[in-house]
């Protein structure tokens, strides 16, 4: 009888401390099994093999009090089934409407990317100037947030704010000029 089978029998007999002895013996094989299962998943999957192993192990050992194992093969078959269920749950969660399942992933082109200052100090200066603008012109500050930080187009910003695209263009020109002047004043100090 292998060490794994002996430990499984100890767990079957109510020795929950034996579960601590089991993990080091089965971890490498469970990890290989998880890697194999993960190879069939789509790219960009957020669940990693290590997390899959840990979740499957917890489901098998911690929650299956009274479960009788017929040996090593039975344990690994149950582990494979547990991993499959975890992956299915994960896929269902990704596809559910509540979690944006009907949204399609898309890559942003270089020209669509939001420009963020490389220098943290510049970003803090911009934030201070934007806060100052919000005190007098909150609509302008909101437009800057939408255009600069969220990267929305003129049309998208107009929809979000409930104003015309022409008003967005006019307000955007004003906000950029105001911020440019404000940032130059701060730079001169």
N, C-alpha and C. Protein backbone atom coordinates (compact mmCIF):
# COMPACT_ATOMS: atom_id res chain seq x y z
N UNK A 1 0.85 -1.17 0.00
CA UNK A 1 0.00 0.00 0.00
C UNK A 1 0.90 1.24 0.00
N UNK A 2 0.63 2.20 -0.91
CA UNK A 2 1.47 3.38 -1.02
C UNK A 2 1.20 4.35 0.13
N UNK A 3 2.14 5.31 0.30
CA UNK A 3 1.98 6.33 1.35
C UNK A 3 0.70 7.12 1.14
N UNK A 4 0.40 7.43 -0.10
CA UNK A 4 -0.80 8.21 -0.41
C UNK A 4 -2.04 7.44 0.02
N UNK A 5 -2.09 6.17 -0.31
CA UNK A 5 -3.25 5.35 0.04
C UNK A 5 -3.38 5.25 1.56
N UNK A 6 -2.28 5.09 2.28
CA UNK A 6 -2.33 5.02 3.74
C UNK A 6 -2.87 6.32 4.34
N UNK A 7 -2.40 7.45 3.83
CA UNK A 7 -2.86 8.74 4.34
C UNK A 7 -4.34 8.93 4.01
N UNK A 8 -4.76 8.51 2.82
CA UNK A 8 -6.18 8.61 2.46
C UNK A 8 -7.04 7.78 3.41
N UNK A 9 -6.56 6.60 3.81
CA UNK A 9 -7.30 5.77 4.76
C UNK A 9 -7.36 6.45 6.13
N UNK A 10 -6.27 7.12 6.52
CA UNK A 10 -6.27 7.85 7.79
C UNK A 10 -7.31 8.98 7.75
N UNK A 11 -7.37 9.66 6.63
CA UNK A 11 -8.37 10.74 6.48
C UNK A 11 -9.76 10.14 6.53
N UNK A 12 -9.97 9.00 5.87
CA UNK A 12 -11.27 8.32 5.89
C UNK A 12 -11.69 7.95 7.31
N UNK A 13 -10.70 7.62 8.15
CA UNK A 13 -10.98 7.23 9.53
C UNK A 13 -11.12 8.42 10.47
N UNK A 14 -11.14 9.65 9.90
CA UNK A 14 -11.38 10.83 10.72
C UNK A 14 -10.15 11.58 11.16
N UNK A 15 -8.98 11.19 10.74
CA UNK A 15 -7.75 11.88 11.11
C UNK A 15 -7.53 13.05 10.15
N UNK A 16 -8.10 14.21 10.50
CA UNK A 16 -8.00 15.38 9.61
C UNK A 16 -6.58 15.94 9.55
N UNK A 17 -5.77 15.64 10.55
CA UNK A 17 -4.38 16.10 10.52
C UNK A 17 -3.59 15.40 9.42
N UNK A 18 -4.05 14.24 8.99
CA UNK A 18 -3.37 13.52 7.92
C UNK A 18 -3.45 14.28 6.59
N UNK A 19 -4.41 15.16 6.46
CA UNK A 19 -4.54 15.97 5.24
C UNK A 19 -3.30 16.83 5.03
N UNK A 20 -2.67 17.26 6.14
CA UNK A 20 -1.43 18.05 6.03
C UNK A 20 -0.29 17.22 5.47
N UNK A 21 -0.31 15.92 5.74
CA UNK A 21 0.73 15.03 5.22
C UNK A 21 0.50 14.68 3.76
N UNK A 22 -0.74 14.77 3.34
CA UNK A 22 -1.09 14.36 1.98
C UNK A 22 -0.63 15.38 0.94
N UNK A 23 -0.79 16.64 1.21
CA UNK A 23 -0.50 17.67 0.21
C UNK A 23 0.92 17.58 -0.35
N UNK A 24 1.96 17.47 0.47
CA UNK A 24 3.31 17.40 -0.12
C UNK A 24 3.50 16.18 -1.04
N UNK A 25 2.79 15.11 -0.74
CA UNK A 25 2.94 13.90 -1.56
C UNK A 25 2.24 14.00 -2.91
N UNK A 26 1.13 14.72 -2.96
CA UNK A 26 0.33 14.76 -4.19
C UNK A 26 0.46 16.07 -4.95
N UNK A 27 1.12 17.07 -4.36
CA UNK A 27 1.13 18.41 -4.96
C UNK A 27 1.72 18.42 -6.37
N UNK A 28 2.86 17.83 -6.56
CA UNK A 28 3.52 17.87 -7.87
C UNK A 28 2.65 17.22 -8.94
N UNK A 29 2.05 16.08 -8.60
CA UNK A 29 1.21 15.41 -9.58
C UNK A 29 -0.08 16.20 -9.85
N UNK A 30 -0.65 16.79 -8.80
CA UNK A 30 -1.84 17.64 -8.99
C UNK A 30 -1.49 18.85 -9.85
N UNK A 31 -0.31 19.42 -9.64
CA UNK A 31 0.09 20.59 -10.42
C UNK A 31 0.25 20.23 -11.90
N UNK A 32 0.84 19.06 -12.18
CA UNK A 32 0.96 18.60 -13.58
C UNK A 32 -0.43 18.41 -14.19
N UNK A 33 -1.33 17.84 -13.42
CA UNK A 33 -2.70 17.63 -13.88
C UNK A 33 -3.38 18.97 -14.16
N UNK A 34 -3.18 19.94 -13.28
CA UNK A 34 -3.77 21.28 -13.46
C UNK A 34 -3.21 21.96 -14.70
N UNK A 35 -1.89 21.84 -14.92
CA UNK A 35 -1.28 22.45 -16.10
C UNK A 35 -1.86 21.86 -17.38
N UNK A 36 -2.07 20.55 -17.35
CA UNK A 36 -2.65 19.88 -18.52
C UNK A 36 -4.07 20.40 -18.77
N UNK A 37 -4.84 20.55 -17.70
CA UNK A 37 -6.22 21.04 -17.83
C UNK A 37 -6.22 22.49 -18.34
N UNK A 38 -5.27 23.29 -17.88
CA UNK A 38 -5.23 24.71 -18.24
C UNK A 38 -4.79 24.92 -19.68
N UNK A 39 -4.10 23.96 -20.29
CA UNK A 39 -3.66 24.10 -21.68
C UNK A 39 -4.84 24.22 -22.63
N UNK A 40 -5.98 23.71 -22.22
CA UNK A 40 -7.16 23.73 -23.08
C UNK A 40 -8.00 24.99 -22.87
N UNK A 41 -7.60 25.84 -21.96
CA UNK A 41 -8.33 27.07 -21.70
C UNK A 41 -7.90 28.16 -22.67
N UNK A 42 -8.76 29.14 -22.85
CA UNK A 42 -8.46 30.26 -23.74
C UNK A 42 -7.36 31.13 -23.15
N UNK A 43 -6.65 31.81 -24.02
CA UNK A 43 -5.62 32.75 -23.57
C UNK A 43 -6.28 33.86 -22.76
N UNK A 44 -5.57 34.38 -21.78
CA UNK A 44 -6.10 35.44 -20.95
C UNK A 44 -6.90 34.94 -19.77
N UNK A 45 -6.89 33.63 -19.55
CA UNK A 45 -7.62 33.05 -18.43
C UNK A 45 -6.98 33.52 -17.15
N UNK A 46 -7.78 33.94 -16.17
CA UNK A 46 -7.23 34.50 -14.95
C UNK A 46 -6.88 33.44 -13.91
N UNK A 47 -7.39 32.23 -14.06
CA UNK A 47 -7.11 31.17 -13.11
C UNK A 47 -5.78 30.50 -13.47
N UNK A 48 -4.88 30.42 -12.53
CA UNK A 48 -3.56 29.82 -12.76
C UNK A 48 -3.55 28.39 -12.24
N UNK A 49 -2.64 27.53 -12.76
CA UNK A 49 -2.59 26.14 -12.30
C UNK A 49 -2.44 25.99 -10.79
N UNK A 50 -1.63 26.83 -10.17
CA UNK A 50 -1.43 26.74 -8.72
C UNK A 50 -2.74 27.01 -7.98
N UNK A 51 -3.46 28.03 -8.39
CA UNK A 51 -4.75 28.33 -7.75
C UNK A 51 -5.74 27.20 -7.98
N UNK A 52 -5.70 26.61 -9.16
CA UNK A 52 -6.57 25.49 -9.47
C UNK A 52 -6.26 24.30 -8.56
N UNK A 53 -4.99 24.00 -8.36
CA UNK A 53 -4.58 22.91 -7.47
C UNK A 53 -5.09 23.16 -6.05
N UNK A 54 -4.87 24.36 -5.56
CA UNK A 54 -5.26 24.67 -4.18
C UNK A 54 -6.77 24.58 -3.99
N UNK A 55 -7.52 25.12 -4.93
CA UNK A 55 -8.98 25.06 -4.84
C UNK A 55 -9.46 23.62 -4.90
N UNK A 56 -8.93 22.84 -5.82
CA UNK A 56 -9.33 21.43 -5.94
C UNK A 56 -8.98 20.66 -4.68
N UNK A 57 -7.80 20.90 -4.14
CA UNK A 57 -7.38 20.19 -2.93
C UNK A 57 -8.31 20.53 -1.76
N UNK A 58 -8.63 21.80 -1.63
CA UNK A 58 -9.53 22.21 -0.54
C UNK A 58 -10.90 21.55 -0.69
N UNK A 59 -11.39 21.48 -1.88
CA UNK A 59 -12.69 20.84 -2.11
C UNK A 59 -12.64 19.34 -1.81
N UNK A 60 -11.54 18.72 -2.16
CA UNK A 60 -11.43 17.27 -1.97
C UNK A 60 -11.23 16.87 -0.52
N UNK A 61 -10.31 17.54 0.16
CA UNK A 61 -9.91 17.09 1.49
C UNK A 61 -10.71 17.78 2.58
N UNK A 62 -10.81 19.09 2.50
CA UNK A 62 -11.43 19.83 3.60
C UNK A 62 -12.95 19.64 3.64
N UNK A 63 -13.59 19.61 2.51
CA UNK A 63 -15.05 19.58 2.51
C UNK A 63 -15.64 18.18 2.38
N UNK A 64 -14.83 17.18 2.13
CA UNK A 64 -15.36 15.83 1.91
C UNK A 64 -15.18 14.94 3.14
N UNK A 65 -15.64 15.44 4.28
CA UNK A 65 -15.61 14.62 5.49
C UNK A 65 -16.57 13.46 5.27
N UNK A 66 -16.09 12.26 5.52
CA UNK A 66 -16.93 11.08 5.31
C UNK A 66 -16.73 10.46 3.94
N UNK A 67 -15.96 11.12 3.08
CA UNK A 67 -15.66 10.58 1.74
C UNK A 67 -14.67 9.44 1.90
N UNK A 68 -14.95 8.32 1.31
CA UNK A 68 -14.03 7.19 1.38
C UNK A 68 -13.28 7.06 0.06
N UNK A 69 -11.96 7.02 0.16
CA UNK A 69 -11.11 6.91 -1.01
C UNK A 69 -10.71 5.46 -1.22
N UNK A 70 -10.84 4.98 -2.45
CA UNK A 70 -10.46 3.61 -2.77
C UNK A 70 -8.98 3.49 -3.14
N UNK A 71 -8.26 4.55 -2.89
CA UNK A 71 -6.84 4.53 -3.18
C UNK A 71 -6.41 5.74 -3.98
N UNK A 72 -5.15 5.67 -4.37
CA UNK A 72 -4.50 6.76 -5.09
C UNK A 72 -5.23 7.11 -6.38
N UNK A 73 -5.57 6.12 -7.18
CA UNK A 73 -6.25 6.37 -8.45
C UNK A 73 -7.59 7.06 -8.27
N UNK A 74 -8.33 6.63 -7.27
CA UNK A 74 -9.63 7.25 -6.99
C UNK A 74 -9.45 8.72 -6.60
N UNK A 75 -8.43 8.99 -5.78
CA UNK A 75 -8.16 10.36 -5.35
C UNK A 75 -7.85 11.26 -6.55
N UNK A 76 -6.96 10.79 -7.44
CA UNK A 76 -6.57 11.62 -8.58
C UNK A 76 -7.71 11.75 -9.59
N UNK A 77 -8.54 10.74 -9.71
CA UNK A 77 -9.71 10.85 -10.59
C UNK A 77 -10.66 11.90 -10.02
N UNK A 78 -10.84 11.89 -8.71
CA UNK A 78 -11.70 12.89 -8.08
C UNK A 78 -11.08 14.28 -8.21
N UNK A 79 -9.75 14.37 -8.12
CA UNK A 79 -9.07 15.66 -8.27
C UNK A 79 -9.29 16.20 -9.68
N UNK A 80 -9.18 15.33 -10.67
CA UNK A 80 -9.40 15.76 -12.06
C UNK A 80 -10.83 16.25 -12.24
N UNK A 81 -11.78 15.54 -11.68
CA UNK A 81 -13.18 15.95 -11.77
C UNK A 81 -13.41 17.28 -11.06
N UNK A 82 -12.79 17.46 -9.91
CA UNK A 82 -12.91 18.71 -9.17
C UNK A 82 -12.33 19.88 -9.97
N UNK A 83 -11.18 19.65 -10.60
CA UNK A 83 -10.57 20.71 -11.43
C UNK A 83 -11.48 21.05 -12.61
N UNK A 84 -12.07 20.05 -13.21
CA UNK A 84 -12.98 20.31 -14.33
C UNK A 84 -14.16 21.18 -13.86
N UNK A 85 -14.71 20.86 -12.72
CA UNK A 85 -15.84 21.64 -12.20
C UNK A 85 -15.45 23.08 -11.89
N UNK A 86 -14.26 23.24 -11.33
CA UNK A 86 -13.77 24.60 -11.03
C UNK A 86 -13.62 25.40 -12.31
N UNK A 87 -13.04 24.78 -13.35
CA UNK A 87 -12.88 25.47 -14.62
C UNK A 87 -14.22 25.80 -15.26
N UNK A 88 -15.18 24.92 -15.13
CA UNK A 88 -16.53 25.19 -15.67
C UNK A 88 -17.18 26.35 -14.92
N UNK A 89 -17.06 26.35 -13.59
CA UNK A 89 -17.60 27.46 -12.80
C UNK A 89 -16.96 28.78 -13.21
N UNK A 90 -15.65 28.74 -13.40
CA UNK A 90 -14.93 29.94 -13.81
C UNK A 90 -15.42 30.43 -15.18
N UNK A 91 -15.61 29.49 -16.11
CA UNK A 91 -16.09 29.85 -17.45
C UNK A 91 -17.49 30.43 -17.37
N UNK A 92 -18.34 29.83 -16.56
CA UNK A 92 -19.71 30.36 -16.41
C UNK A 92 -19.69 31.76 -15.82
N UNK A 93 -18.83 31.98 -14.84
CA UNK A 93 -18.72 33.31 -14.25
C UNK A 93 -18.27 34.33 -15.29
N UNK A 94 -17.30 33.94 -16.12
CA UNK A 94 -16.82 34.87 -17.16
C UNK A 94 -17.91 35.19 -18.17
N UNK A 95 -18.76 34.21 -18.47
CA UNK A 95 -19.78 34.39 -19.50
C UNK A 95 -21.06 35.04 -18.98
N UNK A 96 -21.24 35.06 -17.66
CA UNK A 96 -22.51 35.57 -17.13
C UNK A 96 -22.65 37.06 -17.42
N UNK A 97 -23.87 37.48 -17.69
CA UNK A 97 -24.14 38.88 -17.99
C UNK A 97 -23.77 39.79 -16.82
N UNK A 98 -23.95 39.28 -15.63
CA UNK A 98 -23.65 40.06 -14.44
C UNK A 98 -22.18 40.49 -14.42
N UNK A 99 -21.32 39.69 -14.98
CA UNK A 99 -19.89 39.98 -14.99
C UNK A 99 -19.40 40.43 -16.36
N UNK A 100 -20.30 40.92 -17.19
CA UNK A 100 -19.90 41.43 -18.50
C UNK A 100 -19.69 40.36 -19.53
N UNK A 101 -20.39 39.23 -19.41
CA UNK A 101 -20.20 38.11 -20.31
C UNK A 101 -20.55 38.41 -21.76
N UNK A 102 -21.41 39.41 -21.98
CA UNK A 102 -21.76 39.74 -23.35
C UNK A 102 -20.81 40.76 -23.97
N UNK A 103 -19.83 41.22 -23.21
CA UNK A 103 -18.86 42.17 -23.73
C UNK A 103 -17.81 41.43 -24.53
N UNK A 104 -17.36 42.04 -25.56
CA UNK A 104 -16.31 41.44 -26.37
C UNK A 104 -14.98 42.13 -26.06
N UNK A 105 -13.92 41.35 -25.96
CA UNK A 105 -12.59 41.93 -25.75
C UNK A 105 -12.13 42.55 -27.05
N UNK A 106 -11.45 43.68 -26.94
CA UNK A 106 -10.87 44.27 -28.13
C UNK A 106 -9.54 44.90 -27.75
N UNK A 107 -8.62 44.86 -28.68
CA UNK A 107 -7.31 45.45 -28.48
C UNK A 107 -7.38 46.92 -28.85
N UNK A 108 -6.77 47.77 -28.04
CA UNK A 108 -6.71 49.18 -28.36
C UNK A 108 -5.54 49.42 -29.30
N UNK A 109 -5.80 50.22 -30.31
CA UNK A 109 -4.72 50.60 -31.20
C UNK A 109 -3.86 51.64 -30.50
N UNK A 110 -2.64 51.80 -30.95
CA UNK A 110 -1.71 52.74 -30.32
C UNK A 110 -2.31 54.15 -30.25
N UNK A 111 -3.01 54.56 -31.30
CA UNK A 111 -3.57 55.91 -31.32
C UNK A 111 -4.77 56.07 -30.40
N UNK A 112 -5.38 54.94 -29.98
CA UNK A 112 -6.52 54.99 -29.07
C UNK A 112 -6.10 54.99 -27.61
N UNK A 113 -4.84 54.68 -27.34
CA UNK A 113 -4.38 54.55 -25.97
C UNK A 113 -4.46 55.90 -25.26
N UNK A 114 -4.76 55.84 -23.99
CA UNK A 114 -4.85 57.05 -23.18
C UNK A 114 -3.44 57.48 -22.82
N UNK A 115 -3.14 58.74 -23.06
CA UNK A 115 -1.81 59.26 -22.75
C UNK A 115 -1.74 59.60 -21.28
N UNK A 116 -0.82 59.01 -20.57
CA UNK A 116 -0.62 59.29 -19.16
C UNK A 116 0.81 59.76 -19.00
N UNK A 117 1.00 60.85 -18.28
CA UNK A 117 2.37 61.34 -18.11
C UNK A 117 3.26 60.27 -17.52
N UNK A 118 4.52 60.21 -18.01
CA UNK A 118 5.47 59.24 -17.49
C UNK A 118 5.92 59.63 -16.09
N UNK A 119 5.96 60.90 -15.84
CA UNK A 119 6.46 61.42 -14.59
C UNK A 119 5.31 61.52 -13.58
N UNK A 120 5.47 60.92 -12.42
CA UNK A 120 4.43 60.96 -11.39
C UNK A 120 4.16 62.39 -10.95
N UNK A 121 5.20 63.20 -10.96
CA UNK A 121 5.05 64.59 -10.54
C UNK A 121 4.12 65.35 -11.50
N UNK A 122 4.28 65.11 -12.79
CA UNK A 122 3.40 65.73 -13.79
C UNK A 122 1.95 65.32 -13.57
N UNK A 123 1.74 64.06 -13.26
CA UNK A 123 0.39 63.56 -13.02
C UNK A 123 -0.21 64.20 -11.78
N UNK A 124 0.59 64.39 -10.74
CA UNK A 124 0.10 65.06 -9.53
C UNK A 124 -0.22 66.52 -9.80
N UNK A 125 0.60 67.18 -10.63
CA UNK A 125 0.33 68.57 -11.00
C UNK A 125 -0.97 68.66 -11.79
N UNK A 126 -1.17 67.74 -12.71
CA UNK A 126 -2.40 67.71 -13.49
C UNK A 126 -3.60 67.49 -12.58
N UNK A 127 -3.47 66.59 -11.61
CA UNK A 127 -4.56 66.34 -10.68
C UNK A 127 -4.90 67.59 -9.89
N UNK A 128 -3.89 68.31 -9.41
CA UNK A 128 -4.12 69.54 -8.64
C UNK A 128 -4.81 70.58 -9.51
N UNK A 129 -4.36 70.73 -10.75
CA UNK A 129 -4.98 71.70 -11.66
C UNK A 129 -6.42 71.30 -11.98
N UNK A 130 -6.66 70.01 -12.16
CA UNK A 130 -8.01 69.51 -12.46
C UNK A 130 -8.94 69.73 -11.27
N UNK A 131 -8.43 69.56 -10.07
CA UNK A 131 -9.22 69.82 -8.86
C UNK A 131 -9.58 71.29 -8.78
N UNK A 132 -8.64 72.16 -9.12
CA UNK A 132 -8.89 73.61 -9.12
C UNK A 132 -9.93 73.98 -10.18
N UNK A 133 -9.84 73.36 -11.35
CA UNK A 133 -10.83 73.59 -12.41
C UNK A 133 -12.21 73.14 -11.96
N UNK A 134 -12.29 72.03 -11.25
CA UNK A 134 -13.58 71.49 -10.80
C UNK A 134 -14.28 72.42 -9.82
N UNK A 135 -13.52 73.24 -9.11
CA UNK A 135 -14.12 74.19 -8.17
C UNK A 135 -14.94 75.25 -8.89
N UNK A 136 -14.46 75.68 -10.06
CA UNK A 136 -15.16 76.74 -10.80
C UNK A 136 -15.97 76.21 -11.97
N UNK A 137 -15.49 75.19 -12.63
CA UNK A 137 -16.13 74.63 -13.82
C UNK A 137 -16.22 73.10 -13.72
N UNK A 138 -17.14 72.58 -12.92
CA UNK A 138 -17.20 71.12 -12.72
C UNK A 138 -17.49 70.35 -14.01
N UNK A 139 -18.28 70.94 -14.92
CA UNK A 139 -18.57 70.25 -16.17
C UNK A 139 -17.32 70.10 -17.02
N UNK A 140 -16.47 71.12 -17.01
CA UNK A 140 -15.21 71.07 -17.76
C UNK A 140 -14.30 70.00 -17.18
N UNK A 141 -14.23 69.94 -15.85
CA UNK A 141 -13.37 68.95 -15.20
C UNK A 141 -13.86 67.53 -15.52
N UNK A 142 -15.17 67.35 -15.54
CA UNK A 142 -15.72 66.03 -15.88
C UNK A 142 -15.37 65.67 -17.32
N UNK A 143 -15.43 66.64 -18.22
CA UNK A 143 -15.07 66.41 -19.61
C UNK A 143 -13.60 65.99 -19.73
N UNK A 144 -12.72 66.66 -18.99
CA UNK A 144 -11.30 66.30 -19.03
C UNK A 144 -11.11 64.87 -18.53
N UNK A 145 -11.81 64.50 -17.48
CA UNK A 145 -11.71 63.13 -16.97
C UNK A 145 -12.14 62.12 -18.04
N UNK A 146 -13.25 62.43 -18.72
CA UNK A 146 -13.75 61.51 -19.74
C UNK A 146 -12.81 61.43 -20.94
N UNK A 147 -12.33 62.56 -21.40
CA UNK A 147 -11.49 62.57 -22.60
C UNK A 147 -10.06 62.11 -22.29
N UNK A 148 -9.47 62.65 -21.23
CA UNK A 148 -8.06 62.38 -20.97
C UNK A 148 -7.84 61.05 -20.27
N UNK A 149 -8.56 60.82 -19.18
CA UNK A 149 -8.31 59.62 -18.39
C UNK A 149 -9.06 58.39 -18.91
N UNK A 150 -10.30 58.58 -19.37
CA UNK A 150 -11.06 57.44 -19.87
C UNK A 150 -10.83 57.22 -21.36
N UNK A 151 -10.30 58.23 -22.05
CA UNK A 151 -9.99 58.09 -23.47
C UNK A 151 -11.21 58.09 -24.38
N UNK A 152 -12.32 58.70 -23.92
CA UNK A 152 -13.53 58.73 -24.75
C UNK A 152 -13.37 59.71 -25.91
N UNK A 153 -14.03 59.40 -26.99
CA UNK A 153 -14.03 60.30 -28.15
C UNK A 153 -14.97 61.47 -27.88
N UNK A 154 -14.99 62.42 -28.81
CA UNK A 154 -15.88 63.57 -28.69
C UNK A 154 -17.34 63.09 -28.62
N UNK A 155 -17.69 62.17 -29.52
CA UNK A 155 -19.07 61.67 -29.56
C UNK A 155 -19.43 60.90 -28.29
N UNK A 156 -18.52 60.07 -27.82
CA UNK A 156 -18.77 59.30 -26.60
C UNK A 156 -18.90 60.22 -25.38
N UNK A 157 -18.07 61.24 -25.33
CA UNK A 157 -18.14 62.21 -24.23
C UNK A 157 -19.45 62.98 -24.28
N UNK A 158 -19.88 63.34 -25.49
CA UNK A 158 -21.15 64.06 -25.63
C UNK A 158 -22.30 63.21 -25.11
N UNK A 159 -22.31 61.93 -25.47
CA UNK A 159 -23.36 61.02 -24.97
C UNK A 159 -23.32 60.91 -23.46
N UNK A 160 -22.13 60.76 -22.91
CA UNK A 160 -21.98 60.58 -21.47
C UNK A 160 -22.43 61.81 -20.69
N UNK A 161 -22.18 62.98 -21.25
CA UNK A 161 -22.53 64.22 -20.56
C UNK A 161 -23.90 64.76 -20.95
N UNK A 162 -24.48 64.19 -21.98
CA UNK A 162 -25.80 64.66 -22.43
C UNK A 162 -25.76 66.02 -23.10
N UNK A 163 -24.68 66.28 -23.82
CA UNK A 163 -24.55 67.55 -24.54
C UNK A 163 -24.17 67.24 -25.98
N UNK A 164 -24.16 68.26 -26.82
CA UNK A 164 -23.85 68.05 -28.23
C UNK A 164 -22.35 67.90 -28.44
N UNK A 165 -21.95 67.20 -29.51
CA UNK A 165 -20.52 67.08 -29.83
C UNK A 165 -19.85 68.44 -30.03
N UNK A 166 -20.60 69.37 -30.60
CA UNK A 166 -20.04 70.71 -30.82
C UNK A 166 -19.70 71.38 -29.48
N UNK A 167 -20.58 71.22 -28.50
CA UNK A 167 -20.32 71.77 -27.16
C UNK A 167 -19.12 71.09 -26.53
N UNK A 168 -19.00 69.79 -26.74
CA UNK A 168 -17.84 69.06 -26.22
C UNK A 168 -16.56 69.62 -26.82
N UNK A 169 -16.54 69.84 -28.14
CA UNK A 169 -15.34 70.38 -28.78
C UNK A 169 -14.99 71.76 -28.22
N UNK A 170 -15.99 72.59 -28.06
CA UNK A 170 -15.75 73.95 -27.55
C UNK A 170 -15.24 73.88 -26.09
N UNK A 171 -15.90 73.07 -25.27
CA UNK A 171 -15.49 72.95 -23.87
C UNK A 171 -14.11 72.29 -23.73
N UNK A 172 -13.82 71.33 -24.62
CA UNK A 172 -12.53 70.65 -24.60
C UNK A 172 -11.41 71.64 -24.91
N UNK A 173 -11.63 72.51 -25.90
CA UNK A 173 -10.63 73.52 -26.25
C UNK A 173 -10.40 74.47 -25.07
N UNK A 174 -11.49 74.86 -24.42
CA UNK A 174 -11.37 75.75 -23.27
C UNK A 174 -10.62 75.06 -22.13
N UNK A 175 -11.01 73.82 -21.80
CA UNK A 175 -10.40 73.10 -20.68
C UNK A 175 -8.91 72.86 -20.93
N UNK A 176 -8.55 72.51 -22.16
CA UNK A 176 -7.14 72.29 -22.47
C UNK A 176 -6.35 73.58 -22.32
N UNK A 177 -6.91 74.68 -22.80
CA UNK A 177 -6.21 75.97 -22.68
C UNK A 177 -6.08 76.36 -21.21
N UNK A 178 -7.14 76.20 -20.43
CA UNK A 178 -7.12 76.55 -19.02
C UNK A 178 -6.09 75.71 -18.27
N UNK A 179 -6.09 74.41 -18.52
CA UNK A 179 -5.14 73.53 -17.86
C UNK A 179 -3.71 73.82 -18.29
N UNK A 180 -3.53 74.10 -19.58
CA UNK A 180 -2.19 74.44 -20.07
C UNK A 180 -1.65 75.67 -19.38
N UNK A 181 -2.50 76.69 -19.25
CA UNK A 181 -2.08 77.91 -18.57
C UNK A 181 -1.79 77.63 -17.08
N UNK A 182 -2.65 76.87 -16.45
CA UNK A 182 -2.50 76.55 -15.03
C UNK A 182 -1.23 75.73 -14.77
N UNK A 183 -0.94 74.79 -15.64
CA UNK A 183 0.24 73.95 -15.46
C UNK A 183 1.52 74.75 -15.72
N UNK A 184 1.46 75.70 -16.65
CA UNK A 184 2.65 76.57 -16.88
C UNK A 184 2.88 77.46 -15.67
N UNK A 185 1.79 77.99 -15.07
CA UNK A 185 1.92 78.85 -13.90
C UNK A 185 2.56 78.06 -12.76
N UNK A 186 2.11 76.80 -12.56
CA UNK A 186 2.68 75.97 -11.50
C UNK A 186 4.15 75.65 -11.80
N UNK A 187 4.48 75.45 -13.06
CA UNK A 187 5.87 75.13 -13.42
C UNK A 187 6.79 76.33 -13.18
N UNK A 188 6.26 77.53 -13.34
CA UNK A 188 7.06 78.74 -13.12
C UNK A 188 7.34 79.00 -11.65
N UNK A 189 6.53 78.44 -10.76
CA UNK A 189 6.70 78.70 -9.31
C UNK A 189 7.94 78.05 -8.76
